[in-house]
Amino acid sequence: MTDHLFEQIVNTSQDCVFWKDRERRFVGANRSFLDFYGFTSIDEIKGKTDEDIGWHSNPEPFKQDELRVLAGESTYKVLGRCMKGDQERDIIASKRPLYDEEGKIIGLVGSFSDVTDVLRYQNNATASQQLYTWDSLRVYPYFDQILDHIPLTDILDPLTGIVNRRYILDLVHRLIADKKPFCFAILDIDNFKTINDNYGHQVGDEVLMDVSEALVRYVGKDGLIGRFGGDELLMLYFGASDVTGRKEVLKAMYDSREVVRRTLILEDCRPFLTATTGCASYPEDATSFDELFGLIDKTLYVGKNKGRNCYVVYEKELHKDLDLKQIVKKNLPFNILKIHSLFDTDDPMPKRVNSVLPLLEMQYRIASVYIVTGDKMVMAGDWVNEMATDIKLPPEIQASGMAELPYLMENCPLFFETIATKNQHTAIVSRIPPESGDDCYLVFTDRRERRIWQESETVILLLLADLIAGCMGKGSALDTELTNADNIEGCEYLKSNKS
């Protein structure tokens, strides 16, 4: 068997497969294994042991298990745990010795699958649901064939009750092979890790179940929902034949407040749910699975890069030259350097700020930028029309985000009236300079309701406020401490002049 053929065979497995030498050092792994841990190449772990990588909170049992395999034993479906990022996952693993042509053990081969959700389901049967039935899936020829010999429970994700990764992707392959047009989207729940960290994994499970159910209800008989993994869900939709139709479907979904952009009312907490979606279609945008999945992955990343809580539909004119490397390049360090370079001129402050506005709009979806001095403010780009405002931060706060219209209406009515007339709904504010106690502020606004301001966006706000301070002759030492601002509040509140 050639190496190329072996690679093709092992990469078809949905299980994570790996092989090691006699010293328990990684030699190779399949695509599922690399994807599970987020690696782009085996070179990232080649020559390392589990202990070198730190995959187990208690590595000794796993080491002894592999030593027994290297002595000639085999293990089958042994329950264990491994670290995936900062999460500990439950896995079932099998391992066998690897022999050379002379029958000498030269290493081991193993495979495992993630059963975390299955175990949660078994331990808490009430935290599961079934959103598709035998009959509802049989309308698809692919499922009509396999349901005769594969139980429904094997096809559905045990936690959310939607189609699991293997079978939703198999269906996509089948639709392409049969040349059936469809819209394909990937939806990522925003700040899901924060929800898990703040409220616990049970709340995270309830969020996944609730969003899955809402998506199934929204697409109805015009589509199918599957779970790609973690907090990423896949949507197939058959009722949108062009770009305009796809935008209308996603716009209606986001505007409905029944799927995302809504508060989930639970017994002990009320997390606010938003999501980012990337979307493309077959065969209009792509004619192969790899190309199609690449497009939804890239458009999803564009959405995340634009501040999340949005959808991006692939359009050839806009995205034909889309390259993930270029998208990734335009991250926080790149943007910091770019803004510094734009400000490194002898131009007046308004002209320098104007040069930054296109970057803020494109990279962070900032609708407008305002400079506030006392009870007056001007909009960058205009600089002429002064507007009354009532923004005032408490003395100890450098920056704060405003996320809810009712709060703005109550505490900053003048400011609210100004941005509401421009169809803007959220804002984030920084002092100029950030660490001063002055009532001079830089304000970013956005049209999205309940925008979740990210750490990177806050850093850009503080940087720009610091650079503006330099133009205004106000000293500041923030440049070297951009990521160490302890006095930045999230989207909790802004005090008005009345406080």
Protein backbone atom coordinates (compact mmCIF):
# COMPACT_ATOMS: atom_id res chain seq x y z
CA MET A 1 0.00 0.00 0.00
CA THR A 2 1.38 3.40 -0.96
CA ASP A 3 1.70 6.19 1.58
CA HIS A 4 -0.75 8.28 -0.45
CA LEU A 5 -3.38 5.54 -0.46
CA PHE A 6 -2.91 4.91 3.27
CA GLU A 7 -3.35 8.64 3.94
CA GLN A 8 -6.60 8.73 1.96
CA ILE A 9 -8.00 5.72 3.81
CA VAL A 10 -7.12 6.88 7.32
CA ASN A 11 -8.43 10.40 6.67
CA THR A 12 -11.90 9.05 5.88
CA SER A 13 -12.29 7.92 9.49
CA GLN A 14 -14.50 10.07 11.71
CA ASP A 15 -12.52 8.81 14.72
CA CYS A 16 -9.29 10.50 15.75
CA VAL A 17 -6.45 8.17 14.67
CA PHE A 18 -2.78 8.48 15.64
CA TRP A 19 0.36 6.38 15.69
CA LYS A 20 3.52 6.56 17.81
CA ASP A 21 7.01 5.06 17.98
CA ARG A 22 8.37 2.81 20.76
CA GLU A 23 9.17 5.87 22.89
CA ARG A 24 5.49 6.90 22.73
CA ARG A 25 6.35 9.88 20.55
CA PHE A 26 3.85 10.96 17.90
CA VAL A 27 4.75 9.96 14.37
CA GLY A 28 1.48 10.65 12.51
CA ALA A 29 -2.24 11.38 12.85
CA ASN A 30 -5.30 11.67 10.62
CA ARG A 31 -7.26 14.77 9.73
CA SER A 32 -9.94 14.19 12.38
CA PHE A 33 -7.26 14.05 15.09
CA LEU A 34 -5.63 17.28 13.92
CA ASP A 35 -9.00 19.04 13.61
CA PHE A 36 -10.05 17.89 17.10
CA TYR A 37 -7.06 19.58 18.71
CA GLY A 38 -6.91 22.51 16.28
CA PHE A 39 -3.59 21.62 14.62
CA THR A 40 -2.83 22.46 11.01
CA SER A 41 -0.03 19.90 10.66
CA ILE A 42 1.37 16.83 12.43
CA ASP A 43 4.67 18.74 12.62
CA GLU A 44 3.25 20.65 15.61
CA ILE A 45 3.34 17.51 17.79
CA LYS A 46 5.68 15.14 15.93
CA GLY A 47 8.32 13.71 18.24
CA LYS A 48 6.42 14.68 21.40
CA THR A 49 4.71 12.52 24.03
CA ASP A 50 1.38 13.15 25.75
CA GLU A 51 3.26 14.47 28.76
CA ASP A 52 5.23 16.93 26.61
CA ILE A 53 1.96 18.36 25.27
CA GLY A 54 0.11 18.28 28.60
CA TRP A 55 -3.03 16.54 27.42
CA HIS A 56 -3.88 14.78 30.68
CA SER A 57 -4.43 16.22 34.15
CA ASN A 58 -3.18 12.84 35.44
CA PRO A 59 -0.92 11.38 32.72
CA GLU A 60 0.38 8.30 34.55
CA PRO A 61 -2.56 5.90 33.83
CA PHE A 62 -2.36 6.75 30.12
CA LYS A 63 1.40 6.20 30.10
CA GLN A 64 1.06 2.79 31.75
CA ASP A 65 -1.74 1.91 29.33
CA GLU A 66 0.53 2.61 26.34
CA LEU A 67 3.46 0.76 27.89
CA ARG A 68 1.27 -2.35 28.13
CA VAL A 69 0.35 -1.96 24.47
CA LEU A 70 4.03 -1.65 23.55
CA ALA A 71 4.55 -4.90 25.46
CA GLY A 72 2.07 -6.68 23.19
CA GLU A 73 -1.38 -6.07 24.71
CA SER A 74 -4.31 -4.37 22.97
CA THR A 75 -6.94 -2.15 24.54
CA TYR A 76 -10.48 -1.62 23.32
CA LYS A 77 -12.78 1.28 24.07
CA VAL A 78 -11.18 2.41 27.32
CA LEU A 79 -12.87 5.43 28.90
CA GLY A 80 -10.52 8.32 29.68
CA ARG A 81 -10.11 12.09 29.63
CA CYS A 82 -7.93 14.52 27.72
CA MET A 83 -7.48 18.26 27.55
CA LYS A 84 -8.80 20.09 24.47
CA GLY A 85 -7.68 23.67 24.83
CA ASP A 86 -8.78 24.62 28.34
CA GLN A 87 -11.55 22.00 28.49
CA GLU A 88 -11.31 18.43 29.76
CA ARG A 89 -13.16 16.07 27.42
CA ASP A 90 -14.34 12.49 27.92
CA ILE A 91 -13.01 10.06 25.31
CA ILE A 92 -13.15 6.34 24.49
CA ALA A 93 -9.84 5.06 23.12
CA SER A 94 -8.55 1.83 21.57
CA LYS A 95 -4.86 0.98 20.99
CA ARG A 96 -2.91 -1.85 19.37
CA PRO A 97 0.81 -2.59 18.88
CA LEU A 98 2.44 -1.84 15.53
CA TYR A 99 4.67 -4.60 14.14
CA ASP A 100 7.35 -4.56 11.46
CA GLU A 101 7.74 -7.33 8.85
CA GLU A 102 9.74 -9.45 11.30
CA GLY A 103 7.04 -9.29 13.96
CA LYS A 104 8.90 -6.83 16.16
CA ILE A 105 6.88 -4.14 17.95
CA ILE A 106 7.94 -0.75 16.59
CA GLY A 107 5.19 1.42 18.05
CA LEU A 108 1.46 1.64 18.56
CA VAL A 109 -1.62 2.85 16.74
CA GLY A 110 -4.65 4.25 18.50
CA SER A 111 -8.02 5.84 17.87
CA PHE A 112 -10.51 7.66 20.04
CA SER A 113 -13.81 9.48 19.88
CA ASP A 114 -15.20 12.32 22.01
CA VAL A 115 -18.11 11.04 24.14
CA THR A 116 -18.48 14.05 26.44
CA ASP A 117 -21.99 14.87 25.27
CA VAL A 118 -23.03 11.20 25.35
CA LEU A 119 -21.98 10.90 28.98
CA ARG A 120 -23.74 14.14 29.88
CA TYR A 121 -26.84 12.77 28.24
CA GLN A 122 -26.59 9.52 30.21
CA ASN A 123 -25.95 11.37 33.47
CA ASN A 124 -28.71 13.90 32.90
CA ALA A 125 -31.39 12.54 30.63
CA THR A 126 -33.47 15.72 30.97
CA ALA A 127 -30.72 17.74 29.28
CA SER A 128 -31.30 16.21 25.85
CA GLN A 129 -33.82 16.49 23.07
CA GLN A 130 -34.69 14.91 19.75
CA LEU A 131 -35.50 17.48 17.08
CA TYR A 132 -35.71 15.17 14.07
CA THR A 133 -37.73 11.99 13.66
CA TRP A 134 -37.38 8.92 11.47
CA ASP A 135 -40.11 10.28 9.16
CA SER A 136 -38.80 13.86 8.95
CA LEU A 137 -35.36 12.65 7.78
CA ARG A 138 -36.68 10.11 5.27
CA VAL A 139 -37.71 12.94 2.92
CA TYR A 140 -34.00 13.11 2.01
CA PRO A 141 -32.96 10.21 -0.30
CA TYR A 142 -29.65 9.90 1.55
CA PHE A 143 -31.34 9.29 4.91
CA ASP A 144 -34.06 7.17 3.31
CA GLN A 145 -31.35 4.69 2.31
CA ILE A 146 -29.35 4.54 5.51
CA LEU A 147 -32.19 4.59 8.06
CA ASP A 148 -33.02 0.99 7.13
CA HIS A 149 -29.85 -0.23 8.81
CA ILE A 150 -28.64 2.67 11.01
CA PRO A 151 -30.63 3.64 14.12
CA LEU A 152 -31.82 7.24 14.40
CA THR A 153 -29.87 7.67 17.64
CA ASP A 154 -26.63 7.15 15.69
CA ILE A 155 -27.55 9.95 13.29
CA LEU A 156 -28.59 12.58 15.82
CA ASP A 157 -26.33 14.54 18.13
CA PRO A 158 -27.06 13.17 21.63
CA LEU A 159 -27.21 16.59 23.31
CA THR A 160 -28.94 18.89 20.85
CA GLY A 161 -31.07 16.37 18.93
CA ILE A 162 -30.00 17.73 15.52
CA VAL A 163 -28.03 15.76 12.91
CA ASN A 164 -24.51 15.00 14.07
CA ARG A 165 -21.33 16.04 12.27
CA ARG A 166 -20.74 12.84 10.38
CA TYR A 167 -24.16 12.59 8.81
CA ILE A 168 -24.76 16.28 8.09
CA LEU A 169 -21.46 16.40 6.18
CA ASP A 170 -22.23 13.11 4.43
CA LEU A 171 -25.55 14.62 3.32
CA VAL A 172 -23.73 17.66 1.91
CA HIS A 173 -21.43 15.34 -0.08
CA ARG A 174 -24.47 13.45 -1.38
CA LEU A 175 -26.28 16.66 -2.42
CA ILE A 176 -23.23 17.77 -4.35
CA ALA A 177 -22.86 14.36 -6.00
CA ASP A 178 -26.54 14.52 -7.00
CA LYS A 179 -26.11 18.13 -8.20
CA LYS A 180 -28.87 19.42 -5.91
CA PRO A 181 -28.65 23.21 -5.31
CA PHE A 182 -28.63 24.36 -1.69
CA CYS A 183 -27.47 27.10 0.64
CA PHE A 184 -24.86 26.11 3.24
CA ALA A 185 -24.13 28.11 6.39
CA ILE A 186 -22.10 27.72 9.57
CA LEU A 187 -23.29 29.47 12.74
CA ASP A 188 -20.97 30.10 15.69
CA ILE A 189 -22.48 31.11 19.05
CA ASP A 190 -20.64 34.23 20.21
CA ASN A 191 -18.65 34.12 23.46
CA PHE A 192 -19.78 30.58 24.23
CA LYS A 193 -16.69 29.95 26.34
CA THR A 194 -17.60 32.97 28.48
CA ILE A 195 -21.08 31.52 29.01
CA ASN A 196 -19.55 28.21 30.13
CA ASP A 197 -17.02 29.94 32.38
CA ASN A 198 -19.54 32.29 33.99
CA TYR A 199 -22.56 30.01 34.33
CA GLY A 200 -21.23 26.44 34.02
CA HIS A 201 -21.39 23.75 31.36
CA GLN A 202 -24.99 22.85 32.12
CA VAL A 203 -26.06 26.35 31.09
CA GLY A 204 -23.83 26.00 28.03
CA ASP A 205 -25.68 22.79 27.16
CA GLU A 206 -29.03 24.53 27.58
CA VAL A 207 -27.87 27.31 25.26
CA LEU A 208 -26.85 24.80 22.60
CA MET A 209 -30.13 22.93 22.92
CA ASP A 210 -32.20 26.11 22.80
CA VAL A 211 -30.43 27.62 19.77
CA SER A 212 -30.60 24.26 17.95
CA GLU A 213 -34.33 24.01 18.58
CA ALA A 214 -34.85 27.62 17.44
CA LEU A 215 -32.91 26.99 14.22
CA VAL A 216 -34.87 23.83 13.44
CA ARG A 217 -38.09 25.70 14.02
CA TYR A 218 -36.95 28.61 11.86
CA VAL A 219 -35.88 26.64 8.75
CA GLY A 220 -38.82 24.22 9.05
CA LYS A 221 -39.23 21.95 6.02
CA ASP A 222 -37.00 24.21 3.90
CA GLY A 223 -33.79 23.09 5.55
CA LEU A 224 -31.87 20.91 7.98
CA ILE A 225 -29.72 21.73 11.00
CA GLY A 226 -26.64 19.82 12.12
CA ARG A 227 -23.96 20.17 14.77
CA PHE A 228 -20.44 20.59 13.42
CA GLY A 229 -18.84 20.52 16.86
CA GLY A 230 -18.75 22.51 20.09
CA ASP A 231 -20.74 25.71 19.60
CA GLU A 232 -20.71 25.56 15.79
CA LEU A 233 -23.91 24.55 14.00
CA LEU A 234 -24.50 23.89 10.30
CA MET A 235 -27.55 24.92 8.31
CA LEU A 236 -28.73 23.56 4.96
CA TYR A 237 -31.39 25.66 3.29
CA PHE A 238 -33.17 24.89 0.02
CA GLY A 239 -35.44 27.91 -0.38
CA ALA A 240 -32.98 30.69 -1.37
CA SER A 241 -31.96 30.63 -5.03
CA ASP A 242 -29.79 33.76 -5.18
CA VAL A 243 -27.67 36.08 -3.02
CA THR A 244 -30.59 38.39 -2.33
CA GLY A 245 -32.72 35.48 -1.15
CA ARG A 246 -29.98 34.16 1.13
CA LYS A 247 -29.51 37.60 2.68
CA GLU A 248 -33.24 37.88 3.25
CA VAL A 249 -33.35 34.49 4.98
CA LEU A 250 -30.50 35.37 7.33
CA LYS A 251 -31.70 38.93 7.93
CA ALA A 252 -35.14 37.65 8.90
CA MET A 253 -33.50 35.11 11.23
CA TYR A 254 -31.42 37.78 12.97
CA ASP A 255 -34.26 40.32 13.11
CA SER A 256 -36.82 37.84 14.44
CA ARG A 257 -35.22 37.65 17.92
CA GLU A 258 -36.37 34.05 18.05
CA VAL A 259 -33.04 32.41 17.18
CA VAL A 260 -30.27 34.83 18.15
CA ARG A 261 -30.07 38.39 19.45
CA ARG A 262 -32.28 37.47 22.39
CA THR A 263 -32.12 36.80 26.12
CA LEU A 264 -32.46 33.17 27.18
CA ILE A 265 -34.42 33.07 30.42
CA LEU A 266 -33.16 30.23 32.63
CA GLU A 267 -33.73 29.42 36.26
CA ASP A 268 -30.54 30.99 37.62
CA CYS A 269 -29.35 33.31 34.86
CA ARG A 270 -30.31 35.13 31.69
CA PRO A 271 -27.50 34.96 29.11
CA PHE A 272 -27.90 37.13 26.04
CA LEU A 273 -27.38 35.09 22.85
CA THR A 274 -25.78 36.32 19.66
CA ALA A 275 -24.12 34.40 16.85
CA THR A 276 -21.95 34.88 13.78
CA THR A 277 -22.83 33.16 10.50
CA GLY A 278 -20.92 32.52 7.27
CA CYS A 279 -22.89 31.44 4.20
CA ALA A 280 -22.31 30.26 0.61
CA SER A 281 -24.20 28.17 -1.93
CA TYR A 282 -23.83 25.21 -4.29
CA PRO A 283 -23.34 25.33 -7.24
CA GLU A 284 -23.45 29.12 -7.62
CA ASP A 285 -20.43 29.82 -5.40
CA ALA A 286 -18.62 26.48 -5.37
CA THR A 287 -18.76 23.14 -7.17
CA SER A 288 -16.95 20.90 -4.68
CA PHE A 289 -17.31 20.19 -0.97
CA ASP A 290 -13.84 21.47 -0.05
CA GLU A 291 -14.37 24.70 -1.95
CA LEU A 292 -17.85 25.22 -0.49
CA PHE A 293 -16.79 24.54 3.09
CA GLY A 294 -13.79 26.80 2.61
CA LEU A 295 -16.12 29.65 1.64
CA ILE A 296 -18.42 29.34 4.65
CA ASP A 297 -15.40 29.05 6.93
CA LYS A 298 -13.86 32.20 5.47
CA THR A 299 -17.08 34.22 5.54
CA LEU A 300 -17.58 33.14 9.16
CA TYR A 301 -14.12 34.47 9.97
CA VAL A 302 -14.94 37.74 8.18
CA GLY A 303 -18.02 38.06 10.41
CA LYS A 304 -15.99 37.42 13.56
CA ASN A 305 -13.44 39.95 12.39
CA LYS A 306 -16.21 42.53 11.98
CA GLY A 307 -17.30 42.34 15.60
CA ARG A 308 -19.44 39.14 15.61
CA ASN A 309 -23.25 39.21 16.01
CA CYS A 310 -23.69 39.36 12.23
CA TYR A 311 -23.97 37.24 9.09
CA VAL A 312 -21.80 37.31 5.96
CA VAL A 313 -23.13 35.91 2.67
CA TYR A 314 -20.49 35.04 0.09
CA GLU A 315 -20.50 37.35 -2.93
CA LYS A 316 -18.01 36.76 -5.69
CA GLU A 317 -17.41 40.45 -6.36
CA LEU A 318 -16.56 41.10 -2.70
CA HIS A 319 -14.97 37.85 -1.62
CA LYS A 320 -13.46 36.18 -4.70
CA ASP A 321 -9.93 36.97 -3.53
CA LEU A 322 -10.70 36.15 0.09
CA ASP A 323 -7.69 34.58 1.77
CA LEU A 324 -7.71 33.48 5.40
CA LYS A 325 -4.07 34.45 5.73
CA GLN A 326 -4.96 38.00 4.73
CA ILE A 327 -7.94 38.03 7.10
CA VAL A 328 -5.83 36.76 9.98
CA LYS A 329 -3.19 39.34 9.10
CA LYS A 330 -5.69 42.09 9.80
CA ASN A 331 -5.88 41.25 13.47
CA LEU A 332 -5.13 43.33 16.54
CA PRO A 333 -1.32 43.77 16.19
CA PHE A 334 -1.68 44.57 12.49
CA ASN A 335 -4.40 47.14 13.15
CA ILE A 336 -2.45 48.75 15.99
CA LEU A 337 0.52 49.25 13.69
CA LYS A 338 -1.74 50.50 10.90
CA ILE A 339 -3.41 53.10 13.12
CA HIS A 340 -0.02 54.21 14.45
CA SER A 341 1.27 54.68 10.91
CA LEU A 342 -1.82 56.66 9.87
CA PHE A 343 -1.37 58.97 12.86
CA ASP A 344 2.36 59.43 12.31
CA THR A 345 1.94 62.62 10.30
CA ASP A 346 2.00 66.37 10.86
CA ASP A 347 -1.65 66.75 9.82
CA PRO A 348 -4.21 68.30 12.18
CA MET A 349 -6.01 65.88 14.52
CA PRO A 350 -9.31 65.80 12.55
CA LYS A 351 -7.50 64.81 9.35
CA ARG A 352 -5.61 62.03 11.18
CA VAL A 353 -8.82 60.66 12.66
CA ASN A 354 -10.47 60.80 9.23
CA SER A 355 -7.69 58.58 7.84
CA VAL A 356 -8.54 55.89 10.42
CA LEU A 357 -12.31 55.86 9.83
CA PRO A 358 -12.27 53.44 6.82
CA LEU A 359 -10.27 50.89 8.81
CA LEU A 360 -12.64 51.16 11.78
CA GLU A 361 -15.64 50.65 9.53
CA MET A 362 -14.17 47.76 7.55
CA GLN A 363 -12.42 45.84 10.33
CA TYR A 364 -14.66 46.58 13.33
CA ARG A 365 -17.95 47.70 11.76
CA ILE A 366 -17.88 51.01 13.65
CA ALA A 367 -20.74 53.13 12.31
CA SER A 368 -19.64 56.52 13.70
CA VAL A 369 -16.91 58.07 15.83
CA TYR A 370 -17.57 61.04 18.13
CA ILE A 371 -15.28 63.35 20.10
CA VAL A 372 -16.86 64.67 23.32
CA THR A 373 -15.66 67.68 25.29
CA GLY A 374 -17.77 68.56 28.30
CA ASP A 375 -21.39 68.69 27.21
CA LYS A 376 -20.68 69.01 23.47
CA MET A 377 -19.66 66.48 20.86
CA VAL A 378 -18.78 66.41 17.17
CA MET A 379 -18.87 63.49 14.74
CA ALA A 380 -15.58 62.55 13.09
CA GLY A 381 -15.77 63.19 9.37
CA ASP A 382 -18.10 66.12 9.93
CA TRP A 383 -16.28 68.17 12.59
CA VAL A 384 -18.63 71.15 12.10
CA ASN A 385 -22.00 70.47 13.69
CA GLU A 386 -21.76 70.45 17.47
CA MET A 387 -24.32 68.33 19.33
CA ALA A 388 -25.36 68.38 22.99
CA THR A 389 -24.48 65.28 24.99
CA ASP A 390 -24.74 64.01 28.56
CA ILE A 391 -22.08 61.29 28.61
CA LYS A 392 -20.05 61.14 31.80
CA LEU A 393 -17.93 58.27 33.12
CA PRO A 394 -17.26 57.75 36.85
CA PRO A 395 -13.75 59.04 37.72
CA GLU A 396 -12.27 55.57 38.24
CA ILE A 397 -13.41 54.16 34.87
CA GLN A 398 -11.27 54.41 31.73
CA ALA A 399 -13.75 52.90 29.28
CA SER A 400 -17.22 51.43 29.33
CA GLY A 401 -19.63 49.82 26.87
CA MET A 402 -23.33 50.61 26.60
CA ALA A 403 -25.40 47.72 25.33
CA GLU A 404 -29.06 48.33 26.08
CA LEU A 405 -31.34 50.97 24.61
CA PRO A 406 -33.46 51.30 27.79
CA TYR A 407 -30.34 52.19 29.77
CA LEU A 408 -29.29 54.82 27.22
CA MET A 409 -32.77 56.31 27.20
CA GLU A 410 -32.76 56.61 30.98
CA ASN A 411 -29.22 57.76 31.72
CA CYS A 412 -27.98 59.44 28.56
CA PRO A 413 -31.12 60.77 26.85
CA LEU A 414 -29.35 63.45 24.84
CA PHE A 415 -26.78 61.03 23.51
CA PHE A 416 -29.45 58.39 22.90
CA GLU A 417 -31.55 60.83 20.89
CA THR A 418 -28.54 61.71 18.74
CA ILE A 419 -27.51 58.17 17.80
CA ALA A 420 -31.09 56.89 17.56
CA THR A 421 -31.77 59.36 14.74
CA LYS A 422 -28.83 57.75 12.91
CA ASN A 423 -30.17 54.21 13.49
CA GLN A 424 -27.32 53.40 15.92
CA HIS A 425 -28.00 51.33 19.01
CA THR A 426 -24.84 50.61 21.00
CA ALA A 427 -21.72 52.53 21.99
CA ILE A 428 -18.39 52.16 23.75
CA VAL A 429 -16.69 55.16 25.35
CA SER A 430 -13.14 56.00 26.48
CA ARG A 431 -11.66 59.01 28.19
CA ILE A 432 -9.12 61.12 26.28
CA PRO A 433 -6.50 60.20 27.38
CA PRO A 434 -7.80 56.93 28.85
CA GLU A 435 -6.11 57.12 32.23
CA SER A 436 -7.09 60.74 32.90
CA GLY A 437 -10.06 61.95 34.91
CA ASP A 438 -11.04 64.48 32.24
CA ASP A 439 -14.55 64.73 30.82
CA CYS A 440 -13.20 64.43 27.30
CA TYR A 441 -14.25 61.22 25.52
CA LEU A 442 -13.90 59.17 22.36
CA VAL A 443 -17.08 57.29 21.37
CA PHE A 444 -17.57 54.39 18.92
CA THR A 445 -21.14 53.52 17.90
CA ASP A 446 -22.68 50.61 16.02
CA ARG A 447 -26.06 49.88 14.42
CA ARG A 448 -26.37 46.43 15.96
CA GLU A 449 -28.46 46.14 19.10
CA ARG A 450 -26.73 44.55 22.06
CA ARG A 451 -23.36 44.41 20.35
CA ILE A 452 -20.90 42.52 22.53
CA TRP A 453 -17.78 44.67 22.55
CA GLN A 454 -14.69 42.48 22.32
CA GLU A 455 -11.40 43.01 24.12
CA SER A 456 -9.63 43.80 20.83
CA GLU A 457 -12.19 46.51 20.02
CA THR A 458 -11.70 48.06 23.46
CA VAL A 459 -7.92 48.09 22.91
CA ILE A 460 -8.37 49.89 19.57
CA LEU A 461 -10.65 52.43 21.27
CA LEU A 462 -8.07 53.08 24.00
CA LEU A 463 -5.26 53.32 21.45
CA LEU A 464 -7.10 55.87 19.34
CA ALA A 465 -8.05 57.89 22.43
CA ASP A 466 -4.40 57.92 23.44
CA LEU A 467 -3.24 59.06 20.00
CA ILE A 468 -5.89 61.79 19.90
CA ALA A 469 -4.68 62.95 23.31
CA GLY A 470 -1.19 63.31 21.86
CA CYS A 471 -2.55 65.53 19.07
CA MET A 472 -4.37 67.62 21.69
CA GLY A 473 -1.24 68.03 23.79
CA LYS A 474 -2.38 65.77 26.59
CA GLY A 475 0.32 63.45 27.86
CA SER A 476 -0.36 59.73 28.18
CA ALA A 477 1.64 56.59 28.94
CA LEU A 478 -0.91 54.14 27.61
CA ASP A 479 0.98 53.13 24.46
CA THR A 480 3.08 50.56 26.32
CA GLU A 481 0.22 49.21 28.43
CA LEU A 482 -2.63 48.73 25.98
CA THR A 483 -3.46 45.21 27.09
CA ASN A 484 -3.02 45.85 30.82
CA ALA A 485 -5.93 48.22 31.41
CA ASP A 486 -7.52 46.93 34.61
CA ASN A 487 -10.14 49.67 34.83
CA ILE A 488 -12.10 48.74 31.71
CA GLU A 489 -15.70 47.77 32.30
CA GLY A 490 -17.76 45.55 30.05
CA CYS A 491 -21.27 46.34 28.86
CA GLU A 492 -22.70 47.23 32.25
CA TYR A 493 -23.36 50.92 32.53
CA LEU A 494 -22.52 54.55 31.92
CA LYS A 495 -23.26 57.16 34.56
CA SER A 496 -25.02 60.32 33.41
CA ASN A 497 -24.30 63.86 34.51
CA LYS A 498 -27.20 63.47 36.93
CA SER A 499 -25.34 60.84 38.98
